[in-house]
PDB file of N, CA and C in Angstrom:
ATOM      1  N   MET A   1      32.701 -33.577  62.019  1.00  0.00           N
ATOM      2  CA  MET A   1      33.333 -34.678  61.329  1.00  0.00           C
ATOM      3  C   MET A   1      32.505 -35.024  60.083  1.00  0.00           C
ATOM      4  N   PRO A   2      33.119 -35.013  58.921  1.00  0.00           N
ATOM      5  CA  PRO A   2      32.363 -35.318  57.696  1.00  0.00           C
ATOM      6  C   PRO A   2      31.957 -36.789  57.621  1.00  0.00           C
ATOM      7  N   ILE A   3      30.867 -37.038  56.903  1.00  0.00           N
ATOM      8  CA  ILE A   3      30.379 -38.402  56.718  1.00  0.00           C
ATOM      9  C   ILE A   3      31.280 -39.164  55.751  1.00  0.00           C
ATOM     10  N   ALA A   4      31.762 -38.464  54.702  1.00  0.00           N
ATOM     11  CA  ALA A   4      32.635 -39.100  53.701  1.00  0.00           C
ATOM     12  C   ALA A   4      33.655 -38.078  53.219  1.00  0.00           C
ATOM     13  N   ASN A   5      34.843 -38.551  52.879  1.00  0.00           N
ATOM     14  CA  ASN A   5      35.845 -37.629  52.332  1.00  0.00           C
ATOM     15  C   ASN A   5      35.693 -37.552  50.817  1.00  0.00           C
ATOM     16  N   GLU A   6      36.523 -36.730  50.180  1.00  0.00           N
ATOM     17  CA  GLU A   6      36.395 -36.516  48.737  1.00  0.00           C
ATOM     18  C   GLU A   6      36.619 -37.773  47.906  1.00  0.00           C
ATOM     19  N   VAL A   7      37.461 -38.661  48.383  1.00  0.00           N
ATOM     20  CA  VAL A   7      37.714 -39.908  47.668  1.00  0.00           C
ATOM     21  C   VAL A   7      36.469 -40.796  47.697  1.00  0.00           C
ATOM     22  N   GLU A   8      35.862 -40.909  48.860  1.00  0.00           N
ATOM     23  CA  GLU A   8      34.649 -41.719  48.976  1.00  0.00           C
ATOM     24  C   GLU A   8      33.499 -41.145  48.163  1.00  0.00           C
ATOM     25  N   VAL A   9      33.354 -39.840  48.190  1.00  0.00           N
ATOM     26  CA  VAL A   9      32.283 -39.191  47.422  1.00  0.00           C
ATOM     27  C   VAL A   9      32.515 -39.387  45.927  1.00  0.00           C
ATOM     28  N   ALA A  10      33.741 -39.209  45.462  1.00  0.00           N
ATOM     29  CA  ALA A  10      34.047 -39.390  44.041  1.00  0.00           C
ATOM     30  C   ALA A  10      33.746 -40.823  43.604  1.00  0.00           C
ATOM     31  N   ALA A  11      34.110 -41.791  44.421  1.00  0.00           N
ATOM     32  CA  ALA A  11      33.849 -43.191  44.092  1.00  0.00           C
ATOM     33  C   ALA A  11      32.354 -43.469  44.033  1.00  0.00           C
ATOM     34  N   ARG A  12      31.605 -42.938  44.975  1.00  0.00           N
ATOM     35  CA  ARG A  12      30.151 -43.130  44.988  1.00  0.00           C
ATOM     36  C   ARG A  12      29.490 -42.473  43.773  1.00  0.00           C
ATOM     37  N   LEU A  13      29.939 -41.268  43.431  1.00  0.00           N
ATOM     38  CA  LEU A  13      29.388 -40.587  42.256  1.00  0.00           C
ATOM     39  C   LEU A  13      29.681 -41.368  40.984  1.00  0.00           C
ATOM     40  N   TYR A  14      30.886 -41.887  40.859  1.00  0.00           N
ATOM     41  CA  TYR A  14      31.253 -42.635  39.658  1.00  0.00           C
ATOM     42  C   TYR A  14      30.400 -43.902  39.519  1.00  0.00           C
ATOM     43  N   ILE A  15      30.123 -44.545  40.627  1.00  0.00           N
ATOM     44  CA  ILE A  15      29.295 -45.757  40.595  1.00  0.00           C
ATOM     45  C   ILE A  15      27.844 -45.419  40.254  1.00  0.00           C
ATOM     46  N   SER A  16      27.315 -44.372  40.874  1.00  0.00           N
ATOM     47  CA  SER A  16      25.904 -44.056  40.677  1.00  0.00           C
ATOM     48  C   SER A  16      25.624 -43.256  39.410  1.00  0.00           C
ATOM     49  N   MET A  17      26.596 -42.459  38.936  1.00  0.00           N
ATOM     50  CA  MET A  17      26.414 -41.629  37.744  1.00  0.00           C
ATOM     51  C   MET A  17      27.682 -41.646  36.895  1.00  0.00           C
ATOM     52  N   PRO A  18      28.011 -42.772  36.263  1.00  0.00           N
ATOM     53  CA  PRO A  18      29.284 -42.903  35.570  1.00  0.00           C
ATOM     54  C   PRO A  18      29.488 -41.953  34.390  1.00  0.00           C
ATOM     55  N   ASP A  19      28.428 -41.386  33.838  1.00  0.00           N
ATOM     56  CA  ASP A  19      28.576 -40.464  32.711  1.00  0.00           C
ATOM     57  C   ASP A  19      28.697 -39.009  33.136  1.00  0.00           C
ATOM     58  N   THR A  20      28.677 -38.744  34.434  1.00  0.00           N
ATOM     59  CA  THR A  20      28.780 -37.390  34.953  1.00  0.00           C
ATOM     60  C   THR A  20      30.232 -37.081  35.288  1.00  0.00           C
ATOM     61  N   PRO A  21      30.831 -36.087  34.627  1.00  0.00           N
ATOM     62  CA  PRO A  21      32.211 -35.722  34.955  1.00  0.00           C
ATOM     63  C   PRO A  21      32.311 -35.179  36.378  1.00  0.00           C
ATOM     64  N   VAL A  22      33.276 -35.656  37.119  1.00  0.00           N
ATOM     65  CA  VAL A  22      33.491 -35.216  38.498  1.00  0.00           C
ATOM     66  C   VAL A  22      34.821 -34.472  38.555  1.00  0.00           C
ATOM     67  N   VAL A  23      34.787 -33.282  39.151  1.00  0.00           N
ATOM     68  CA  VAL A  23      35.996 -32.493  39.369  1.00  0.00           C
ATOM     69  C   VAL A  23      36.205 -32.431  40.872  1.00  0.00           C
ATOM     70  N   VAL A  24      37.396 -32.805  41.312  1.00  0.00           N
ATOM     71  CA  VAL A  24      37.711 -32.815  42.743  1.00  0.00           C
ATOM     72  C   VAL A  24      38.737 -31.716  43.025  1.00  0.00           C
ATOM     73  N   TYR A  25      38.413 -30.887  43.998  1.00  0.00           N
ATOM     74  CA  TYR A  25      39.290 -29.808  44.454  1.00  0.00           C
ATOM     75  C   TYR A  25      39.835 -30.252  45.801  1.00  0.00           C
ATOM     76  N   THR A  26      41.075 -30.709  45.814  1.00  0.00           N
ATOM     77  CA  THR A  26      41.578 -31.397  46.988  1.00  0.00           C
ATOM     78  C   THR A  26      43.098 -31.328  47.084  1.00  0.00           C
ATOM     79  N   MET A  27      43.608 -31.919  48.130  1.00  0.00           N
ATOM     80  CA  MET A  27      45.051 -32.040  48.301  1.00  0.00           C
ATOM     81  C   MET A  27      45.500 -33.493  48.147  1.00  0.00           C
ATOM     82  N   ILE A  28      44.571 -34.425  47.829  1.00  0.00           N
ATOM     83  CA  ILE A  28      44.967 -35.817  47.642  1.00  0.00           C
ATOM     84  C   ILE A  28      45.701 -35.977  46.320  1.00  0.00           C
ATOM     85  N   GLY A  29      46.435 -37.032  46.170  1.00  0.00           N
ATOM     86  CA  GLY A  29      47.251 -37.252  44.991  1.00  0.00           C
ATOM     87  C   GLY A  29      46.456 -37.419  43.708  1.00  0.00           C
ATOM     88  N   GLU A  30      47.000 -36.902  42.619  1.00  0.00           N
ATOM     89  CA  GLU A  30      46.343 -36.967  41.315  1.00  0.00           C
ATOM     90  C   GLU A  30      46.287 -38.383  40.761  1.00  0.00           C
ATOM     91  N   HIS A  31      47.154 -39.256  41.237  1.00  0.00           N
ATOM     92  CA  HIS A  31      47.173 -40.639  40.748  1.00  0.00           C
ATOM     93  C   HIS A  31      45.860 -41.366  41.036  1.00  0.00           C
ATOM     94  N   LEU A  32      45.101 -40.890  42.009  1.00  0.00           N
ATOM     95  CA  LEU A  32      43.823 -41.532  42.329  1.00  0.00           C
ATOM     96  C   LEU A  32      42.726 -41.170  41.333  1.00  0.00           C
ATOM     97  N   ALA A  33      42.909 -40.125  40.576  1.00  0.00           N
ATOM     98  CA  ALA A  33      41.862 -39.647  39.673  1.00  0.00           C
ATOM     99  C   ALA A  33      41.399 -40.713  38.696  1.00  0.00           C
ATOM    100  N   LYS A  34      42.315 -41.347  38.021  1.00  0.00           N
ATOM    101  CA  LYS A  34      41.951 -42.345  37.011  1.00  0.00           C
ATOM    102  C   LYS A  34      41.271 -43.551  37.655  1.00  0.00           C
ATOM    103  N   ILE A  35      41.762 -43.979  38.784  1.00  0.00           N
ATOM    104  CA  ILE A  35      41.193 -45.129  39.482  1.00  0.00           C
ATOM    105  C   ILE A  35      39.743 -44.856  39.874  1.00  0.00           C
ATOM    106  N   LEU A  36      39.471 -43.635  40.312  1.00  0.00           N
ATOM    107  CA  LEU A  36      38.138 -43.283  40.810  1.00  0.00           C
ATOM    108  C   LEU A  36      37.203 -42.772  39.715  1.00  0.00           C
ATOM    109  N   GLY A  37      37.676 -42.672  38.480  1.00  0.00           N
ATOM    110  CA  GLY A  37      36.825 -42.170  37.404  1.00  0.00           C
ATOM    111  C   GLY A  37      36.608 -40.680  37.466  1.00  0.00           C
ATOM    112  N   ILE A  38      37.543 -39.963  38.074  1.00  0.00           N
ATOM    113  CA  ILE A  38      37.427 -38.508  38.198  1.00  0.00           C
ATOM    114  C   ILE A  38      37.885 -37.868  36.894  1.00  0.00           C
ATOM    115  N   ALA A  39      37.060 -36.972  36.364  1.00  0.00           N
ATOM    116  CA  ALA A  39      37.383 -36.312  35.097  1.00  0.00           C
ATOM    117  C   ALA A  39      38.531 -35.333  35.256  1.00  0.00           C
ATOM    118  N   ALA A  40      38.609 -34.655  36.385  1.00  0.00           N
ATOM    119  CA  ALA A  40      39.679 -33.688  36.620  1.00  0.00           C
ATOM    120  C   ALA A  40      39.934 -33.573  38.107  1.00  0.00           C
ATOM    121  N   MET A  41      41.182 -33.421  38.446  1.00  0.00           N
ATOM    122  CA  MET A  41      41.559 -33.198  39.828  1.00  0.00           C
ATOM    123  C   MET A  41      42.397 -31.935  39.868  1.00  0.00           C
ATOM    124  N   VAL A  42      41.959 -30.976  40.642  1.00  0.00           N
ATOM    125  CA  VAL A  42      42.662 -29.701  40.749  1.00  0.00           C
ATOM    126  C   VAL A  42      43.177 -29.562  42.180  1.00  0.00           C
ATOM    127  N   PRO A  43      44.493 -29.492  42.340  1.00  0.00           N
ATOM    128  CA  PRO A  43      45.039 -29.301  43.687  1.00  0.00           C
ATOM    129  C   PRO A  43      44.623 -27.950  44.254  1.00  0.00           C
ATOM    130  N   LYS A  44      44.334 -27.905  45.536  1.00  0.00           N
ATOM    131  CA  LYS A  44      43.954 -26.646  46.171  1.00  0.00           C
ATOM    132  C   LYS A  44      45.045 -25.599  46.012  1.00  0.00           C
ATOM    133  N   SER A  45      46.289 -26.047  45.925  1.00  0.00           N
ATOM    134  CA  SER A  45      47.391 -25.107  45.777  1.00  0.00           C
ATOM    135  C   SER A  45      47.351 -24.362  44.440  1.00  0.00           C
ATOM    136  N   ASP A  46      46.598 -24.900  43.442  1.00  0.00           N
ATOM    137  CA  ASP A  46      46.458 -24.226  42.148  1.00  0.00           C
ATOM    138  C   ASP A  46      45.449 -23.092  42.192  1.00  0.00           C
ATOM    139  N   GLY A  47      44.603 -23.064  43.198  1.00  0.00           N
ATOM    140  CA  GLY A  47      43.652 -21.980  43.371  1.00  0.00           C
ATOM    141  C   GLY A  47      42.326 -22.184  42.667  1.00  0.00           C
ATOM    142  N   VAL A  48      41.383 -21.327  43.014  1.00  0.00           N
ATOM    143  CA  VAL A  48      40.017 -21.423  42.514  1.00  0.00           C
ATOM    144  C   VAL A  48      39.942 -21.102  41.029  1.00  0.00           C
ATOM    145  N   ALA A  49      40.770 -20.198  40.540  1.00  0.00           N
ATOM    146  CA  ALA A  49      40.733 -19.852  39.112  1.00  0.00           C
ATOM    147  C   ALA A  49      41.006 -21.079  38.248  1.00  0.00           C
ATOM    148  N   LYS A  50      41.965 -21.894  38.645  1.00  0.00           N
ATOM    149  CA  LYS A  50      42.272 -23.124  37.909  1.00  0.00           C
ATOM    150  C   LYS A  50      41.098 -24.108  37.992  1.00  0.00           C
ATOM    151  N   LEU A  51      40.477 -24.195  39.161  1.00  0.00           N
ATOM    152  CA  LEU A  51      39.310 -25.060  39.340  1.00  0.00           C
ATOM    153  C   LEU A  51      38.195 -24.645  38.384  1.00  0.00           C
ATOM    154  N   LEU A  52      37.879 -23.374  38.358  1.00  0.00           N
ATOM    155  CA  LEU A  52      36.823 -22.874  37.482  1.00  0.00           C
ATOM    156  C   LEU A  52      37.179 -23.071  36.009  1.00  0.00           C
ATOM    157  N   GLY A  53      38.439 -22.900  35.665  1.00  0.00           N
ATOM    158  CA  GLY A  53      38.885 -23.139  34.295  1.00  0.00           C
ATOM    159  C   GLY A  53      38.703 -24.584  33.877  1.00  0.00           C
ATOM    160  N   ARG A  54      39.003 -25.512  34.772  1.00  0.00           N
ATOM    161  CA  ARG A  54      38.844 -26.938  34.483  1.00  0.00           C
ATOM    162  C   ARG A  54      37.378 -27.289  34.286  1.00  0.00           C
ATOM    163  N   ILE A  55      36.512 -26.736  35.157  1.00  0.00           N
ATOM    164  CA  ILE A  55      35.074 -26.981  35.026  1.00  0.00           C
ATOM    165  C   ILE A  55      34.566 -26.434  33.695  1.00  0.00           C
ATOM    166  N   GLN A  56      34.975 -25.224  33.353  1.00  0.00           N
ATOM    167  CA  GLN A  56      34.554 -24.616  32.077  1.00  0.00           C
ATOM    168  C   GLN A  56      35.021 -25.456  30.893  1.00  0.00           C
ATOM    169  N   ALA A  57      36.251 -25.956  30.939  1.00  0.00           N
ATOM    170  CA  ALA A  57      36.768 -26.785  29.841  1.00  0.00           C
ATOM    171  C   ALA A  57      35.958 -28.070  29.698  1.00  0.00           C
ATOM    172  N   LEU A  58      35.576 -28.679  30.808  1.00  0.00           N
ATOM    173  CA  LEU A  58      34.755 -29.888  30.745  1.00  0.00           C
ATOM    174  C   LEU A  58      33.387 -29.599  30.145  1.00  0.00           C
ATOM    175  N   LEU A  59      32.785 -28.490  30.559  1.00  0.00           N
ATOM    176  CA  LEU A  59      31.480 -28.126  30.013  1.00  0.00           C
ATOM    177  C   LEU A  59      31.557 -27.837  28.518  1.00  0.00           C
ATOM    178  N   GLU A  60      32.608 -27.140  28.101  1.00  0.00           N
ATOM    179  CA  GLU A  60      32.776 -26.830  26.676  1.00  0.00           C
ATOM    180  C   GLU A  60      33.018 -28.100  25.863  1.00  0.00           C
ATOM    181  N   ALA A  61      33.798 -29.023  26.410  1.00  0.00           N
ATOM    182  CA  ALA A  61      34.059 -30.276  25.701  1.00  0.00           C
ATOM    183  C   ALA A  61      32.775 -31.091  25.576  1.00  0.00           C
ATOM    184  N   GLU A  62      31.987 -31.105  26.633  1.00  0.00           N
ATOM    185  CA  GLU A  62      30.716 -31.831  26.611  1.00  0.00           C
ATOM    186  C   GLU A  62      29.777 -31.219  25.575  1.00  0.00           C
ATOM    187  N   ASP A  63      29.724 -29.883  25.515  1.00  0.00           N
ATOM    188  CA  ASP A  63      28.893 -29.194  24.526  1.00  0.00           C
ATOM    189  C   ASP A  63      29.367 -29.489  23.112  1.00  0.00           C
ATOM    190  N   ALA A  64      30.685 -29.477  22.897  1.00  0.00           N
ATOM    191  CA  ALA A  64      31.235 -29.741  21.572  1.00  0.00           C
ATOM    192  C   ALA A  64      30.896 -31.157  21.116  1.00  0.00           C
ATOM    193  N   LEU A  65      30.984 -32.111  22.026  1.00  0.00           N
ATOM    194  CA  LEU A  65      30.638 -33.494  21.683  1.00  0.00           C
ATOM    195  C   LEU A  65      29.148 -33.608  21.350  1.00  0.00           C
ATOM    196  N   ALA A  66      28.324 -32.910  22.087  1.00  0.00           N
ATOM    197  CA  ALA A  66      26.884 -32.948  21.832  1.00  0.00           C
ATOM    198  C   ALA A  66      26.572 -32.347  20.469  1.00  0.00           C
ATOM    199  N   MET A  67      27.278 -31.277  20.104  1.00  0.00           N
ATOM    200  CA  MET A  67      27.044 -30.641  18.809  1.00  0.00           C
ATOM    201  C   MET A  67      27.507 -31.537  17.659  1.00  0.00           C
ATOM    202  N   GLN A  68      28.464 -32.402  17.902  1.00  0.00           N
ATOM    203  CA  GLN A  68      28.954 -33.314  16.872  1.00  0.00           C
ATOM    204  C   GLN A  68      28.088 -34.566  16.770  1.00  0.00           C
ATOM    205  N   GLY A  69      27.051 -34.624  17.575  1.00  0.00           N
ATOM    206  CA  GLY A  69      26.150 -35.757  17.519  1.00  0.00           C
ATOM    207  C   GLY A  69      26.563 -36.921  18.389  1.00  0.00           C
ATOM    208  N   ALA A  70      27.596 -36.732  19.215  1.00  0.00           N
ATOM    209  CA  ALA A  70      28.019 -37.810  20.111  1.00  0.00           C
ATOM    210  C   ALA A  70      27.068 -37.840  21.294  1.00  0.00           C
ATOM    211  N   ASP A  71      26.526 -39.000  21.588  1.00  0.00           N
ATOM    212  CA  ASP A  71      25.663 -39.107  22.756  1.00  0.00           C
ATOM    213  C   ASP A  71      26.453 -39.706  23.917  1.00  0.00           C
ATOM    214  N   SER A  72      25.862 -39.681  25.084  1.00  0.00           N
ATOM    215  CA  SER A  72      26.573 -40.148  26.277  1.00  0.00           C
ATOM    216  C   SER A  72      26.902 -41.629  26.206  1.00  0.00           C
ATOM    217  N   GLU A  73      26.188 -42.399  25.382  1.00  0.00           N
ATOM    218  CA  GLU A  73      26.485 -43.824  25.281  1.00  0.00           C
ATOM    219  C   GLU A  73      27.781 -44.089  24.534  1.00  0.00           C
ATOM    220  N   SER A  74      28.233 -43.129  23.739  1.00  0.00           N
ATOM    221  CA  SER A  74      29.465 -43.340  22.990  1.00  0.00           C
ATOM    222  C   SER A  74      30.705 -43.093  23.834  1.00  0.00           C
ATOM    223  N   LEU A  75      30.534 -42.489  24.997  1.00  0.00           N
ATOM    224  CA  LEU A  75      31.656 -42.239  25.887  1.00  0.00           C
ATOM    225  C   LEU A  75      31.835 -43.405  26.840  1.00  0.00           C
ATOM    226  N   GLN A  76      33.053 -43.674  27.206  1.00  0.00           N
ATOM    227  CA  GLN A  76      33.330 -44.741  28.156  1.00  0.00           C
ATOM    228  C   GLN A  76      33.174 -44.252  29.591  1.00  0.00           C
ATOM    229  N   GLY A  77      33.056 -42.969  29.800  1.00  0.00           N
ATOM    230  CA  GLY A  77      32.904 -42.405  31.138  1.00  0.00           C
ATOM    231  C   GLY A  77      33.561 -41.039  31.198  1.00  0.00           C
ATOM    232  N   PRO A  78      33.533 -40.401  32.369  1.00  0.00           N
ATOM    233  CA  PRO A  78      34.070 -39.056  32.504  1.00  0.00           C
ATOM    234  C   PRO A  78      35.562 -38.967  32.218  1.00  0.00           C
ATOM    235  N   SER A  79      36.310 -40.027  32.467  1.00  0.00           N
ATOM    236  CA  SER A  79      37.739 -39.990  32.195  1.00  0.00           C
ATOM    237  C   SER A  79      38.004 -39.841  30.705  1.00  0.00           C
ATOM    238  N   GLU A  80      37.180 -40.497  29.868  1.00  0.00           N
ATOM    239  CA  GLU A  80      37.349 -40.362  28.420  1.00  0.00           C
ATOM    240  C   GLU A  80      37.010 -38.939  27.969  1.00  0.00           C
ATOM    241  N   LEU A  81      35.966 -38.354  28.570  1.00  0.00           N
ATOM    242  CA  LEU A  81      35.623 -36.972  28.227  1.00  0.00           C
ATOM    243  C   LEU A  81      36.788 -36.055  28.530  1.00  0.00           C
ATOM    244  N   PHE A  82      37.409 -36.221  29.695  1.00  0.00           N
ATOM    245  CA  PHE A  82      38.536 -35.386  30.072  1.00  0.00           C
ATOM    246  C   PHE A  82      39.725 -35.624  29.159  1.00  0.00           C
ATOM    247  N   SER A  83      39.953 -36.879  28.774  1.00  0.00           N
ATOM    248  CA  SER A  83      41.098 -37.182  27.915  1.00  0.00           C
ATOM    249  C   SER A  83      40.945 -36.516  26.558  1.00  0.00           C
ATOM    250  N   ARG A  84      39.715 -36.280  26.111  1.00  0.00           N
ATOM    251  CA  ARG A  84      39.494 -35.604  24.836  1.00  0.00           C
ATOM    252  C   ARG A  84      39.847 -34.121  24.910  1.00  0.00           C
ATOM    253  N   LEU A  85      40.000 -33.586  26.134  1.00  0.00           N
ATOM    254  CA  LEU A  85      40.390 -32.193  26.298  1.00  0.00           C
ATOM    255  C   LEU A  85      41.880 -32.004  26.040  1.00  0.00           C
ATOM    256  N   SER A  86      42.654 -33.041  26.213  1.00  0.00           N
ATOM    257  CA  SER A  86      44.122 -32.955  26.098  1.00  0.00           C
ATOM    258  C   SER A  86      44.570 -32.885  24.668  1.00  0.00           C
TER     259      SER A  86
END
């Protein structure tokens, strides 16, 4: 029996490390992502390739922002970083 599910872990990570993008690979609804501060939510039905692609896109966006001189204080949190990918 797990100590915490993915929703609880995502919420704890957002509280303790709000500038760290969190990607959740789960079957829970995507509507919870914004509430929990999750940068990306990939349904398990989309497969691991989609998960890895989302992680790579987040890393590339973070690198691009760093190269433009944006520091972590200019971001409102991981959700804003993800929204810049769209």
